[in-house]
Amino acid sequence: MLRLLFISLSVITFAALTKNQASAEDKRPNVLMICVDDLNDWVEPLGGHPQARTPAMARLAQSGVLFSNAHCQSPLCNSSRTSLMLSRRPSQTGVYGLAPWFRGVPELSSLTTLPQHFAAAGYQTITAGKVFHGGAFRKRDPLGRKEFDVIGPPGSPGIKPPKKLIPPTPGGDHPLMDWGVFDHDEKDKGDYRVASFLVEQLENLDGKEPVFIAGGFFLPHVPCHVTPKYWDMFPEQTLILPHIDRLE
């Protein structure tokens, strides 16, 4: 069984894994959740941009159920991820920005998160990359519970050019606000490390207990750096700019 949920801030994919399924006595499926930061409907399955080339996502959508009218709870990392992991709206949590970490909010500090719910049901829980926002989840909660049993590489852009490729930007010139082309090894990207860790975990499932695996990919969150290999696939004169509806 394969379940897909595409939302405008992130792509969240839930998949019941078939390899090394639980024993005949335990029919609970293994569950894989994939989060993709800042990905919108430009991917092939949703047809949001005519030049998008995302064959892996197209295959994934074809093998499951595609929700084409899903919406994120909040258009920002921390607030939307808090909503997803707690199953509460931002209007209920009061978390609307990149802070606070919800465990620091007294009325939210002891709530059970999605991975903790799986753990309470007898699942081993594994994560890598950007699932929660920031690294505070690596600590135990006020009740002494871990957010995940196994924690892999953190979410990050990984390798960056020696200096920014674009001029200073308004609003503070944030170091992540950058894009462009520079020659680098894909293996040095943060998402490559996350994917490699997740593949290793999937290949080594022992089937003794069901697992919940949450993997979060940083891109296409800024900085948007690519190698010449991918940039050359789209000559500048052929790029189609997205349509933007402007409010007058």
Protein backbone atom coordinates (compact mmCIF):
# COMPACT_ATOMS: atom_id res chain seq x y z
CA MET A 1 0.00 0.00 0.00
CA LEU A 2 1.28 3.48 -0.83
CA ARG A 3 -0.16 6.75 0.40
CA LEU A 4 0.87 10.14 -0.96
CA LEU A 5 0.15 13.60 0.34
CA PHE A 6 1.48 16.64 -1.54
CA ILE A 7 1.21 20.02 0.17
CA SER A 8 2.51 23.40 -0.92
CA LEU A 9 5.19 23.85 1.74
CA SER A 10 6.43 20.30 1.72
CA VAL A 11 5.82 16.97 0.13
CA ILE A 12 4.88 14.41 2.74
CA THR A 13 4.88 10.84 1.54
CA PHE A 14 3.70 7.94 3.62
CA ALA A 15 4.51 4.50 2.29
CA ALA A 16 4.00 1.06 3.75
CA LEU A 17 7.21 -0.82 2.98
CA THR A 18 7.02 -4.34 1.60
CA LYS A 19 10.64 -5.45 2.13
CA ASN A 20 11.21 -7.43 5.34
CA GLN A 21 7.61 -7.16 6.42
CA ALA A 22 6.69 -7.97 9.99
CA SER A 23 6.13 -11.61 10.96
CA ALA A 24 2.85 -13.44 10.45
CA GLU A 25 1.97 -12.71 14.10
CA ASP A 26 2.46 -8.98 13.62
CA LYS A 27 0.68 -7.49 10.61
CA ARG A 28 1.60 -3.89 11.30
CA PRO A 29 3.29 -2.38 8.24
CA ASN A 30 6.56 -0.52 8.22
CA VAL A 31 5.98 3.17 7.45
CA LEU A 32 8.19 5.60 5.55
CA MET A 33 7.47 9.33 5.68
CA ILE A 34 9.34 11.64 3.27
CA CYS A 35 9.30 15.41 3.75
CA VAL A 36 10.60 17.77 1.06
CA ASP A 37 11.11 21.35 2.19
CA ASP A 38 9.57 24.20 0.18
CA LEU A 39 8.47 21.97 -2.70
CA ASN A 40 5.35 23.21 -4.44
CA ASP A 41 3.25 21.92 -7.33
CA TRP A 42 6.00 22.33 -9.95
CA VAL A 43 6.76 18.59 -9.88
CA GLU A 44 5.63 16.45 -12.80
CA PRO A 45 2.73 14.64 -11.07
CA LEU A 46 1.04 17.95 -10.25
CA GLY A 47 1.85 19.67 -13.54
CA GLY A 48 2.64 23.03 -11.99
CA HIS A 49 5.52 23.82 -14.36
CA PRO A 50 5.80 22.55 -17.94
CA GLN A 51 9.60 22.18 -17.80
CA ALA A 52 9.86 20.23 -14.55
CA ARG A 53 11.70 16.92 -14.79
CA THR A 54 10.98 14.80 -11.74
CA PRO A 55 10.75 11.20 -12.99
CA ALA A 56 11.15 9.61 -9.55
CA MET A 57 8.21 11.59 -8.19
CA ALA A 58 6.19 10.72 -11.27
CA ARG A 59 6.80 7.00 -10.68
CA LEU A 60 5.92 7.38 -7.00
CA ALA A 61 2.65 9.13 -7.79
CA GLN A 62 1.71 6.54 -10.41
CA SER A 63 2.10 3.72 -7.90
CA GLY A 64 -0.11 5.28 -5.23
CA VAL A 65 -2.79 7.87 -4.56
CA LEU A 66 -2.08 11.49 -5.50
CA PHE A 67 -3.89 14.28 -3.66
CA SER A 68 -3.87 17.31 -5.93
CA ASN A 69 -5.87 19.68 -3.74
CA ALA A 70 -4.00 19.46 -0.43
CA HIS A 71 -2.96 22.51 1.57
CA CYS A 72 -0.33 23.25 4.18
CA GLN A 73 -1.32 24.50 7.60
CA SER A 74 1.20 27.33 7.52
CA PRO A 75 3.65 28.59 4.85
CA LEU A 76 6.68 28.42 7.14
CA CYS A 77 9.00 25.63 8.31
CA ASN A 78 8.63 25.55 12.10
CA SER A 79 4.92 26.28 12.30
CA SER A 80 3.90 23.78 9.62
CA ARG A 81 6.12 21.01 10.99
CA THR A 82 4.86 21.61 14.50
CA SER A 83 1.33 21.29 13.11
CA LEU A 84 2.13 18.08 11.24
CA MET A 85 3.95 16.37 14.10
CA LEU A 86 1.38 17.35 16.75
CA SER A 87 -1.75 17.16 14.57
CA ARG A 88 -2.76 20.62 15.73
CA ARG A 89 -3.39 23.79 13.76
CA PRO A 90 -1.08 26.78 14.25
CA SER A 91 -4.12 28.56 15.69
CA GLN A 92 -4.15 25.88 18.40
CA THR A 93 -0.41 25.74 19.08
CA GLY A 94 0.23 29.47 18.77
CA VAL A 95 3.38 28.63 16.79
CA TYR A 96 3.39 30.82 13.69
CA GLY A 97 7.07 31.61 13.14
CA LEU A 98 10.51 30.01 13.09
CA ALA A 99 10.39 30.04 16.89
CA PRO A 100 9.63 28.83 19.49
CA TRP A 101 10.48 25.13 19.59
CA PHE A 102 7.17 23.73 20.80
CA ARG A 103 8.73 21.82 23.70
CA GLY A 104 9.57 25.22 25.17
CA VAL A 105 5.89 26.19 25.29
CA PRO A 106 4.48 24.97 28.65
CA GLU A 107 1.09 23.87 27.34
CA LEU A 108 2.71 21.96 24.44
CA SER A 109 5.84 20.62 26.15
CA SER A 110 4.50 17.17 27.08
CA LEU A 111 2.36 16.46 24.01
CA THR A 112 2.95 13.21 22.13
CA THR A 113 4.41 13.66 18.64
CA LEU A 114 3.82 11.45 15.62
CA PRO A 115 7.02 9.39 16.08
CA GLN A 116 6.34 9.04 19.81
CA HIS A 117 2.88 7.72 18.97
CA PHE A 118 4.47 5.09 16.74
CA ALA A 119 6.98 4.25 19.48
CA ALA A 120 4.18 3.73 21.99
CA ALA A 121 2.63 1.26 19.54
CA GLY A 122 5.80 -0.83 19.47
CA TYR A 123 7.54 0.72 16.47
CA GLN A 124 11.21 1.51 16.21
CA THR A 125 11.50 5.13 15.06
CA ILE A 126 14.26 6.43 12.79
CA THR A 127 14.89 9.85 11.31
CA ALA A 128 17.36 11.83 9.21
CA GLY A 129 17.34 15.27 7.63
CA LYS A 130 14.81 18.04 8.17
CA VAL A 131 11.68 16.56 9.70
CA PHE A 132 11.37 18.76 12.75
CA HIS A 133 12.63 22.33 12.35
CA GLY A 134 16.04 22.74 13.95
CA GLY A 135 17.98 20.33 16.11
CA ALA A 136 16.22 20.64 19.48
CA PHE A 137 14.40 17.36 18.81
CA ARG A 138 17.65 15.51 19.56
CA LYS A 139 16.97 16.11 23.25
CA ARG A 140 14.44 14.20 25.36
CA ASP A 141 11.07 15.73 26.12
CA PRO A 142 9.98 16.76 29.65
CA LEU A 143 8.61 13.25 30.22
CA GLY A 144 11.99 11.71 29.38
CA ARG A 145 10.87 10.36 26.01
CA LYS A 146 13.04 10.45 22.90
CA GLU A 147 11.58 12.05 19.80
CA PHE A 148 13.19 9.24 17.72
CA ASP A 149 15.14 6.09 18.62
CA VAL A 150 17.73 6.53 15.87
CA ILE A 151 18.82 9.91 14.51
CA GLY A 152 20.90 10.21 11.34
CA PRO A 153 22.50 13.16 9.53
CA PRO A 154 20.85 16.56 10.11
CA GLY A 155 19.07 18.57 7.46
CA SER A 156 21.39 21.07 5.79
CA PRO A 157 22.40 22.35 2.36
CA GLY A 158 25.83 20.75 2.76
CA ILE A 159 28.55 22.10 0.48
CA LYS A 160 28.37 25.77 -0.49
CA PRO A 161 30.56 27.97 -2.67
CA PRO A 162 33.43 29.87 -0.99
CA LYS A 163 31.32 33.03 -1.14
CA LYS A 164 27.76 33.85 -2.14
CA LEU A 165 27.00 33.86 -5.86
CA ILE A 166 24.47 36.70 -5.78
CA PRO A 167 24.82 40.32 -4.57
CA PRO A 168 23.71 41.34 -1.07
CA THR A 169 19.96 41.11 -0.58
CA PRO A 170 17.58 43.36 1.38
CA GLY A 171 16.33 42.36 4.78
CA GLY A 172 19.64 41.36 6.32
CA ASP A 173 21.36 39.49 3.46
CA HIS A 174 20.82 36.08 5.04
CA PRO A 175 23.65 33.61 4.21
CA LEU A 176 21.16 31.01 2.95
CA MET A 177 19.69 33.48 0.46
CA ASP A 178 21.76 32.45 -2.54
CA TRP A 179 21.44 30.60 -5.83
CA GLY A 180 23.49 29.76 -8.88
CA VAL A 181 25.88 27.29 -10.43
CA PHE A 182 29.22 26.05 -9.13
CA ASP A 183 31.12 22.83 -9.69
CA HIS A 184 30.90 20.46 -6.73
CA ASP A 185 30.46 16.81 -5.83
CA GLU A 186 26.84 15.80 -5.31
CA LYS A 187 27.98 13.49 -2.49
CA ASP A 188 28.85 16.58 -0.46
CA LYS A 189 25.26 17.82 -0.44
CA GLY A 190 23.32 17.42 2.79
CA ASP A 191 20.45 15.67 1.01
CA TYR A 192 22.83 13.08 -0.47
CA ARG A 193 24.01 12.16 3.02
CA VAL A 194 20.44 11.93 4.27
CA ALA A 195 19.36 9.76 1.34
CA SER A 196 22.36 7.46 1.78
CA PHE A 197 21.54 7.00 5.47
CA LEU A 198 17.87 6.26 4.73
CA VAL A 199 18.76 3.72 2.04
CA GLU A 200 21.09 1.99 4.47
CA GLN A 201 18.35 1.83 7.10
CA LEU A 202 15.85 0.39 4.61
CA GLU A 203 18.29 -2.21 3.35
CA ASN A 204 19.03 -3.42 6.86
CA LEU A 205 15.55 -3.84 8.30
CA ASP A 206 15.59 -7.05 10.33
CA GLY A 207 11.82 -7.56 10.54
CA LYS A 208 11.87 -8.08 14.31
CA GLU A 209 9.69 -5.04 14.94
CA PRO A 210 7.81 -2.62 12.70
CA VAL A 211 9.60 0.65 11.91
CA PHE A 212 8.56 4.23 11.34
CA ILE A 213 11.17 6.09 9.27
CA ALA A 214 10.95 9.84 8.70
CA GLY A 215 13.32 11.39 6.17
CA GLY A 216 13.47 15.09 5.41
CA PHE A 217 15.13 16.65 2.35
CA PHE A 218 16.38 20.24 2.59
CA LEU A 219 16.18 21.28 -1.07
CA PRO A 220 14.55 23.14 -2.80
CA HIS A 221 14.90 25.33 0.29
CA VAL A 222 17.48 28.06 -0.35
CA PRO A 223 20.38 28.15 -1.10
CA CYS A 224 19.61 26.78 -4.55
CA HIS A 225 22.98 25.64 -5.84
CA VAL A 226 23.35 23.25 -8.75
CA THR A 227 26.18 21.69 -10.69
CA PRO A 228 26.72 22.57 -14.39
CA LYS A 229 25.31 19.12 -15.25
CA TYR A 230 21.80 20.14 -14.19
CA TRP A 231 21.98 23.79 -15.18
CA ASP A 232 22.92 22.85 -18.74
CA MET A 233 19.68 20.88 -19.06
CA PHE A 234 17.82 24.20 -19.20
CA PRO A 235 19.31 26.82 -21.54
CA GLU A 236 18.52 30.28 -20.17
CA GLN A 237 16.69 31.44 -23.28
CA THR A 238 14.20 28.58 -22.99
CA LEU A 239 13.26 28.96 -19.33
CA ILE A 240 9.59 29.64 -18.73
CA LEU A 241 9.01 31.96 -15.78
CA PRO A 242 6.10 31.08 -13.47
CA HIS A 243 2.93 33.08 -13.63
CA ILE A 244 2.38 35.22 -10.52
CA ASP A 245 -1.01 36.65 -9.68
CA ARG A 246 -0.55 40.13 -8.23
CA LEU A 247 -3.01 41.84 -5.97
CA GLU A 248 -3.62 45.44 -7.01
